[in-house]
Amino acid sequence: MSRDEEAKRLRKAQLRVLHLRLINGGQLSGGKLGPPVCIIFEGWDAAGKGGAIKRLVEPLDPRHVHIAPFAAPTPDELRHHFLWRFWPPLPGWGGMTIFDRSWYGRVLVERVENLATEAQWRRAYDEINDFEHSLAEEGMVVIKLWLHMSHEEQLRRFERRRDDPLKSWKLTDEDWRNREKRPQYDEAVSDMLRLTSGRLAPWDVISAENKRNGRVEVIETVIRRMEEGMARWEVEVPSADDEEEERTQAALAFDDAEFQPDPEVETPTPTPFPAPVPVAATTPSAAEAPAASAAAATSAKGYSTASPVPIPDSPAAAPAPAPAPAPAAAPGTRLDG
């Protein structure tokens, strides 16, 4: 896919995502909220998950989408059931969350690296299916994406990262060790896709062999799944009208209330400032030169560098008049209050 074709398809898809997101968020549907959208990204190391997420959320208001990245569980998280830590970021009605890695670590890295017992990871398939099914039955649109690429393409990307001083930080010793266990991971991925792809939470496998193709396929798949989920809950899905979506984006340029004029208040016509009157530059005469030099030496604090005597900022005020004498008390008047 050429760069121009990628840009064109991304632009069209991003406008569509924005339009659907505003409808689900109640911004274009009279305040009625659409179903929550949960997007799960999994895939091989260096498959382009970060770049795909970046382009997916690029047109969205950051207040309207939440990105939840997950790494290895902390000691406190290990004290709980493995699904416990994934509950807080889940979106409610009208919301949208993107999981960068997810609960599928239980049947992938934890299985391959023996971080979970065989009984635990085998049991996890049913636990995950029940978890996702319950979310979907309550209205959630569960979109699961696996970014797939060949072992050879992954090696090429690893080597490019290693040789690029601005990207070498992304590559760790653990990434190289994981490559050595590719056969075990292939088996784990195959089992995961086969055992956890349900009617309400199916897997979509994205070809990430070419990054441009992968980015476009990700966002177009998300659009298709969002439209299906909205239709399932009887949310009106507008036609993919380019002009309508262009108008939607243009309307967002000044969508804040502070930029909207109040129709009840007449906007006054501003009065232009008068043009400044030019002042001709003058050169002080020989008699005025000493005074001009002394004035220029006056500092901002009101002191002259030419004289230790303070120069007042304004003329001294006239002394206040003396108060009038109090009238004498009448005979027999008490003076203690």
Foldseek 3Di string as FASTA:
>chain_A
DDPVVLVVLLVLLLLLLQVLLCLQLCNPPVNDHAFEEEEEEAEAPPLCPVVLVCSNCVLPDPVQEEEAEDDDDDPVCVVDDLQVVVPPVGDGGSHYYYYNDHSLCLLAVCVVVVVDDPVRSVVVLVVLQVVLVVSVVVQYLAAYEYRYDDLVLVVVSQVVQCPDPVRVVSDDPVSVVVSVVVVVNVVSVVCNQVRRADPRHHYDYAHSSDVSSRSSVVSVSSSVSSVVSRVVVPNDRDDSDSVVSVVVSVCVPPVDPVPDDDPVDDDDDDDDDDDDDDDDDDDDDPVCVVVVVQVVQQDPVQAGPVDRDGHDPDDDDDDDDDDDDDDDDDPPDDDPD
